[in-house]
Amino acid sequence: MTVQSHVFQPEGVDEHDDLAAAKDAQGTTWIRVSDGTAAELEAVGETFGIHALELEDVRNDVRPKVEQFEDHLFVLLKTATLREGETTFAEEVKTRSVGIFVGPDWLVTLSTQTIPAVGLVWDAVTREEKRLLARGPDFTAYRIVDAIVDSYFDVLDEIESDIEAVEEEVVGATGLDLLEDINELRRDLLSVRRVLWPTRDAVSVLARGDLDFVDETTEKYYRDVYDHVVQLVELNETYRDLVTGARDIYLNSLSMSTNEVMKTLTVVATIVLPLTFVVGIYGMNFETMPELSWPYAYHAVMLGMAGIAGVMVLYFRREGWL
């Protein structure tokens, strides 16, 4: 079932199949739409006076925000998870939109997919958690926002584990696979950043204390969530610096490896150069060359060339170039 309803009071929780009856019932009404179709979203929107543009924001990829209307408060957030990408085998950050609508005595959560963070709070209401039942819809909305923000920590924890694995491999590594891993981490952190920054702005609106549908007693809880989001933003920036540092170390290692190869090739070329000079002289085919008539000329030249090469190799070894 994609549309569910809870009507709760301090005494307990009731369920209603009819949206209008649930809205008019005594207590706090929570309508939860998961994996909702366009028709279901429109039915809920019509019952609770939610504008079509707000529903469109939930269905589309819109950045997190908070908007206050005459009869309700609209909060749009995004969840973030790491899962296997559609085009690559690497994990990618996937986001899903959650619309939270807070009225005087009702709460509506809309999403086109099942959101675990919303499910956690829904289960708490179903278990008749006293702290939730005694508060209004703004406090339940806070619990949902808090659960979504807490899920960001899980994503960053997974990314941190990947960063530690990269840092262990990066020193002395020159393979392209490691560079791909580093670039994937940079893309993941950029995706998380695109979620966290507008979320910070949205939660700051909830915490500043000038919204009609957020009670004064609930504002301090939103300020706590705001502190968590700020911590997440700082943590994400720290991880970006670590990944950038790992990339710099990798590029330096690659450059040093290239320099070692070039040094070896230069030494070889330097040893071959005088040998080429000697061979070039005796390859000029002059008719009169004093050494040509000597029966040991060939052996002498070869021995001389070997001596030149040997002396140069010993010199390079002493200088630490080989």
Protein backbone atom coordinates (compact mmCIF):
# COMPACT_ATOMS: atom_id res chain seq x y z
CA MET A 1 0.00 0.00 0.00
CA THR A 2 1.55 3.30 -1.04
CA VAL A 3 -0.81 5.65 0.87
CA GLN A 4 -0.97 5.16 4.63
CA SER A 5 -2.45 7.24 7.43
CA HIS A 6 -1.92 7.57 11.16
CA VAL A 7 -4.01 9.73 13.46
CA PHE A 8 -2.29 9.91 16.82
CA GLN A 9 -2.93 11.43 20.23
CA PRO A 10 -1.17 10.88 23.55
CA GLU A 11 -3.62 8.03 24.16
CA GLY A 12 -2.75 6.05 21.04
CA VAL A 13 -2.78 5.70 17.25
CA ASP A 14 -5.69 5.14 14.84
CA GLU A 15 -5.75 4.44 11.11
CA HIS A 16 -8.15 5.76 8.47
CA ASP A 17 -8.62 4.59 4.91
CA ASP A 18 -10.30 7.81 3.79
CA LEU A 19 -8.04 10.84 3.38
CA ALA A 20 -10.72 13.41 4.18
CA ALA A 21 -11.79 11.49 7.31
CA ALA A 22 -8.17 11.25 8.44
CA LYS A 23 -7.69 14.99 7.96
CA ASP A 24 -10.80 15.85 9.99
CA ALA A 25 -10.11 13.33 12.76
CA GLN A 26 -9.26 14.51 16.26
CA GLY A 27 -5.50 14.53 16.92
CA THR A 28 -2.45 14.77 14.67
CA THR A 29 -2.85 13.25 11.21
CA TRP A 30 0.11 11.87 9.31
CA ILE A 31 -0.37 10.81 5.69
CA ARG A 32 2.56 8.87 4.28
CA VAL A 33 2.88 8.27 0.53
CA SER A 34 5.70 5.93 -0.54
CA ASP A 35 6.27 4.82 -4.14
CA GLY A 36 3.39 7.13 -4.93
CA THR A 37 1.97 7.45 -8.40
CA ALA A 38 1.08 10.80 -9.93
CA ALA A 39 -2.63 10.13 -9.27
CA GLU A 40 -2.01 9.33 -5.60
CA LEU A 41 0.09 12.43 -5.12
CA GLU A 42 -2.59 14.58 -6.74
CA ALA A 43 -5.31 13.03 -4.54
CA VAL A 44 -3.36 13.84 -1.39
CA GLY A 45 -2.56 17.31 -2.70
CA GLU A 46 -6.21 18.05 -3.40
CA THR A 47 -7.30 16.90 0.06
CA PHE A 48 -4.68 18.93 1.96
CA GLY A 49 -4.46 21.96 -0.32
CA ILE A 50 -0.97 21.22 -1.64
CA HIS A 51 -0.26 23.06 -4.89
CA ALA A 52 0.60 21.16 -8.07
CA LEU A 53 3.96 22.94 -8.29
CA GLU A 54 4.92 21.58 -4.87
CA LEU A 55 4.02 18.06 -6.02
CA GLU A 56 6.11 18.63 -9.14
CA ASP A 57 9.09 19.59 -6.97
CA VAL A 58 8.79 16.25 -5.15
CA ARG A 59 8.70 14.31 -8.40
CA ASN A 60 11.60 16.21 -9.99
CA ASP A 61 15.25 16.68 -9.06
CA VAL A 62 14.89 19.98 -7.16
CA ARG A 63 17.42 21.18 -4.58
CA PRO A 64 16.40 21.06 -0.87
CA LYS A 65 14.42 24.07 0.29
CA VAL A 66 11.79 25.38 2.73
CA GLU A 67 8.74 27.39 1.69
CA GLN A 68 5.97 28.72 3.92
CA PHE A 69 2.42 29.02 2.63
CA GLU A 70 -0.72 30.37 4.24
CA ASP A 71 -2.01 27.01 5.42
CA HIS A 72 1.11 24.82 5.58
CA LEU A 73 4.89 24.59 5.54
CA PHE A 74 6.70 22.83 2.68
CA VAL A 75 10.08 21.18 3.35
CA LEU A 76 11.89 19.42 0.51
CA LEU A 77 14.92 17.30 1.38
CA LYS A 78 16.97 14.62 -0.32
CA THR A 79 18.26 11.31 0.94
CA ALA A 80 21.65 10.08 -0.21
CA THR A 81 22.89 6.50 -0.53
CA LEU A 82 25.90 4.77 -2.05
CA ARG A 83 25.00 2.02 -4.49
CA GLU A 84 26.31 0.44 -7.66
CA GLY A 85 26.14 2.77 -10.63
CA GLU A 86 24.03 2.18 -13.72
CA THR A 87 26.90 2.68 -16.16
CA THR A 88 29.88 1.52 -14.08
CA PHE A 89 30.62 -1.09 -11.46
CA ALA A 90 31.74 1.60 -9.03
CA GLU A 91 29.45 2.89 -6.30
CA GLU A 92 27.75 6.20 -6.92
CA VAL A 93 25.81 8.60 -4.71
CA LYS A 94 22.10 8.33 -5.49
CA THR A 95 19.60 10.90 -4.20
CA ARG A 96 15.84 10.72 -3.69
CA SER A 97 13.49 13.59 -2.93
CA VAL A 98 11.21 13.70 0.12
CA GLY A 99 8.43 16.24 0.46
CA ILE A 100 7.37 17.09 4.04
CA PHE A 101 4.23 19.20 4.42
CA VAL A 102 3.40 20.52 7.90
CA GLY A 103 -0.09 21.88 8.65
CA PRO A 104 -1.76 23.05 11.88
CA ASP A 105 -2.64 19.50 12.96
CA TRP A 106 -1.48 17.35 10.06
CA LEU A 107 1.67 16.10 8.39
CA VAL A 108 2.08 14.73 4.87
CA THR A 109 5.22 13.02 3.56
CA LEU A 110 5.46 12.36 -0.17
CA SER A 111 8.05 10.40 -2.12
CA THR A 112 8.15 8.47 -5.36
CA GLN A 113 10.26 5.76 -3.70
CA THR A 114 10.38 4.15 -0.26
CA ILE A 115 12.52 6.24 2.09
CA PRO A 116 14.04 4.29 5.02
CA ALA A 117 14.46 7.42 7.17
CA VAL A 118 10.73 8.16 6.93
CA GLY A 119 10.00 4.50 7.67
CA LEU A 120 11.98 4.68 10.93
CA VAL A 121 9.82 7.51 12.27
CA TRP A 122 6.64 5.87 10.97
CA ASP A 123 7.51 2.70 12.88
CA ALA A 124 8.11 4.78 16.02
CA VAL A 125 4.59 6.23 15.72
CA THR A 126 3.19 2.77 15.05
CA ARG A 127 4.84 1.54 18.26
CA GLU A 128 3.10 4.45 20.00
CA GLU A 129 6.28 6.12 21.20
CA LYS A 130 5.00 8.45 23.91
CA ARG A 131 7.34 11.33 23.09
CA LEU A 132 6.12 11.44 19.52
CA LEU A 133 2.42 11.04 20.29
CA ALA A 134 2.48 13.92 22.77
CA ARG A 135 3.93 16.40 20.27
CA GLY A 136 2.49 18.09 17.22
CA PRO A 137 3.25 17.58 13.50
CA ASP A 138 6.24 19.94 13.61
CA PHE A 139 8.03 17.63 16.05
CA THR A 140 7.30 14.57 13.92
CA ALA A 141 8.66 16.48 10.94
CA TYR A 142 11.79 17.22 12.99
CA ARG A 143 12.26 13.51 13.64
CA ILE A 144 12.06 12.83 9.90
CA VAL A 145 14.51 15.62 9.07
CA ASP A 146 16.87 14.37 11.78
CA ALA A 147 16.71 10.78 10.46
CA ILE A 148 17.49 11.98 6.92
CA VAL A 149 20.45 14.07 8.12
CA ASP A 150 21.76 11.15 10.20
CA SER A 151 21.74 8.97 7.09
CA TYR A 152 24.30 11.34 5.53
CA PHE A 153 26.79 10.24 8.20
CA ASP A 154 26.47 6.66 6.95
CA VAL A 155 27.35 7.76 3.41
CA LEU A 156 30.39 9.71 4.58
CA ASP A 157 31.49 6.77 6.74
CA GLU A 158 31.53 4.54 3.66
CA ILE A 159 33.46 7.16 1.70
CA GLU A 160 35.93 7.51 4.59
CA SER A 161 36.64 3.77 4.44
CA ASP A 162 37.35 4.08 0.71
CA ILE A 163 39.65 7.06 1.34
CA GLU A 164 41.65 5.07 3.92
CA ALA A 165 42.06 2.23 1.42
CA VAL A 166 43.30 4.67 -1.23
CA GLU A 167 45.74 6.33 1.17
CA GLU A 168 47.30 2.94 1.96
CA GLU A 169 47.91 2.26 -1.74
CA VAL A 170 48.81 5.68 -3.06
CA VAL A 171 52.48 5.86 -1.97
CA GLY A 172 54.59 4.44 -4.77
CA ALA A 173 51.57 3.41 -6.85
CA THR A 174 51.51 4.25 -10.56
CA GLY A 175 48.61 2.15 -11.87
CA LEU A 176 45.65 3.79 -13.61
CA ASP A 177 43.16 1.83 -11.48
CA LEU A 178 44.12 3.83 -8.41
CA LEU A 179 43.67 7.11 -10.29
CA GLU A 180 40.18 5.97 -11.29
CA ASP A 181 39.39 5.20 -7.64
CA ILE A 182 40.56 8.67 -6.61
CA ASN A 183 38.42 10.33 -9.29
CA GLU A 184 35.39 8.28 -8.21
CA LEU A 185 35.86 9.47 -4.63
CA ARG A 186 36.07 13.08 -5.81
CA ARG A 187 32.83 12.65 -7.77
CA ASP A 188 31.09 11.07 -4.76
CA LEU A 189 32.16 13.87 -2.44
CA LEU A 190 31.02 16.46 -4.97
CA SER A 191 27.61 14.75 -5.16
CA VAL A 192 27.33 14.77 -1.36
CA ARG A 193 28.35 18.43 -1.31
CA ARG A 194 25.53 19.28 -3.72
CA VAL A 195 23.10 17.74 -1.22
CA LEU A 196 24.59 19.10 2.01
CA TRP A 197 24.93 22.79 1.13
CA PRO A 198 21.28 23.44 0.18
CA THR A 199 20.19 21.16 3.07
CA ARG A 200 22.14 23.39 5.45
CA ASP A 201 20.31 26.43 4.09
CA ALA A 202 16.93 24.69 4.38
CA VAL A 203 17.47 23.52 7.96
CA SER A 204 18.70 26.98 8.95
CA VAL A 205 15.29 28.35 7.90
CA LEU A 206 13.59 25.79 10.15
CA ALA A 207 15.86 26.69 13.06
CA ARG A 208 15.75 30.48 12.90
CA GLY A 209 12.38 30.78 14.72
CA ASP A 210 10.11 32.79 12.41
CA LEU A 211 7.94 30.06 10.87
CA ASP A 212 4.25 29.86 11.74
CA PHE A 213 4.09 26.06 11.71
CA VAL A 214 7.15 25.37 13.90
CA ASP A 215 6.50 25.68 17.63
CA GLU A 216 9.00 27.51 19.81
CA THR A 217 9.63 24.33 21.80
CA THR A 218 10.62 22.53 18.58
CA GLU A 219 13.00 25.18 17.27
CA LYS A 220 15.85 24.02 19.53
CA TYR A 221 15.62 20.54 18.00
CA TYR A 222 15.98 22.00 14.51
CA ARG A 223 18.99 23.99 15.71
CA ASP A 224 20.54 20.71 16.83
CA VAL A 225 19.92 19.26 13.35
CA TYR A 226 21.49 22.37 11.85
CA ASP A 227 24.63 21.78 13.93
CA HIS A 228 24.76 18.23 12.54
CA VAL A 229 24.49 19.50 8.97
CA VAL A 230 27.29 22.02 9.57
CA GLN A 231 29.41 19.19 10.95
CA LEU A 232 28.65 17.14 7.83
CA VAL A 233 29.62 20.01 5.55
CA GLU A 234 32.94 20.44 7.35
CA LEU A 235 33.54 16.68 7.30
CA ASN A 236 32.84 16.55 3.57
CA GLU A 237 35.29 19.39 2.92
CA THR A 238 37.92 17.61 5.01
CA TYR A 239 37.47 14.44 2.98
CA ARG A 240 37.76 16.43 -0.24
CA ASP A 241 41.09 17.82 0.98
CA LEU A 242 42.27 14.30 1.83
CA VAL A 243 41.33 13.01 -1.61
CA THR A 244 43.02 15.97 -3.27
CA GLY A 245 46.14 15.26 -1.22
CA ALA A 246 46.02 11.58 -2.24
CA ARG A 247 45.77 12.61 -5.89
CA ASP A 248 48.77 14.93 -5.52
CA ILE A 249 50.80 12.13 -3.90
CA TYR A 250 49.82 9.79 -6.73
CA LEU A 251 50.82 12.31 -9.40
CA ASN A 252 54.13 12.95 -7.62
CA SER A 253 54.79 9.21 -7.44
CA LEU A 254 54.00 8.91 -11.12
CA SER A 255 56.31 11.82 -11.92
CA MET A 256 59.12 10.30 -9.83
CA SER A 257 58.67 6.95 -11.56
CA THR A 258 58.86 8.68 -14.95
CA ASN A 259 61.98 10.54 -13.85
CA GLU A 260 63.63 7.27 -12.80
CA VAL A 261 62.91 5.77 -16.21
CA MET A 262 64.22 8.85 -17.99
CA LYS A 263 67.39 8.81 -15.83
CA THR A 264 68.05 5.19 -16.71
CA LEU A 265 67.54 5.86 -20.42
CA THR A 266 69.82 8.90 -20.24
CA VAL A 267 72.59 6.87 -18.58
CA VAL A 268 72.29 4.17 -21.24
CA ALA A 269 72.39 6.79 -24.01
CA THR A 270 75.44 8.43 -22.40
CA ILE A 271 77.31 5.11 -22.29
CA VAL A 272 76.43 4.30 -25.90
CA LEU A 273 77.41 7.76 -27.20
CA PRO A 274 81.26 7.36 -27.10
CA LEU A 275 80.93 3.82 -28.41
CA THR A 276 78.96 5.15 -31.35
CA PHE A 277 81.67 7.75 -31.92
CA VAL A 278 84.40 5.07 -32.10
CA VAL A 279 82.36 2.88 -34.41
CA GLY A 280 81.61 5.90 -36.58
CA ILE A 281 85.29 6.69 -37.05
CA TYR A 282 86.16 3.17 -38.17
CA GLY A 283 83.13 3.05 -40.41
CA MET A 284 84.29 5.94 -42.64
CA ASN A 285 85.95 3.51 -45.14
CA PHE A 286 89.12 5.54 -45.75
CA GLU A 287 91.66 3.63 -47.85
CA THR A 288 94.56 4.50 -45.55
CA MET A 289 94.02 4.04 -41.80
CA PRO A 290 97.04 3.00 -39.71
CA GLU A 291 95.16 0.55 -37.55
CA LEU A 292 93.58 -1.39 -40.40
CA SER A 293 96.77 -3.29 -41.21
CA TRP A 294 97.37 -4.31 -37.60
CA PRO A 295 96.18 -7.92 -37.05
CA TYR A 296 94.89 -7.12 -33.53
CA ALA A 297 93.16 -3.87 -34.44
CA TYR A 298 89.63 -5.28 -34.17
CA HIS A 299 90.33 -6.82 -30.76
CA ALA A 300 91.94 -3.64 -29.53
CA VAL A 301 89.01 -1.49 -30.60
CA MET A 302 86.45 -3.82 -28.98
CA LEU A 303 88.52 -3.97 -25.81
CA GLY A 304 88.81 -0.20 -25.75
CA MET A 305 85.07 0.22 -26.20
CA ALA A 306 84.40 -2.25 -23.38
CA GLY A 307 86.84 -0.33 -21.18
CA ILE A 308 85.12 2.99 -21.91
CA ALA A 309 81.71 1.49 -21.12
CA GLY A 310 83.03 -0.14 -17.92
CA VAL A 311 84.62 3.08 -16.64
CA MET A 312 81.40 5.02 -17.29
CA VAL A 313 79.25 2.40 -15.54
CA LEU A 314 81.53 2.51 -12.48
CA TYR A 315 81.37 6.29 -12.44
CA PHE A 316 77.59 6.37 -12.66
CA ARG A 317 77.28 3.79 -9.89
CA ARG A 318 79.57 5.81 -7.62
CA GLU A 319 77.45 8.92 -8.24
CA GLY A 320 74.26 6.95 -7.44
CA TRP A 321 72.78 7.31 -10.91
CA LEU A 322 72.51 3.56 -11.42
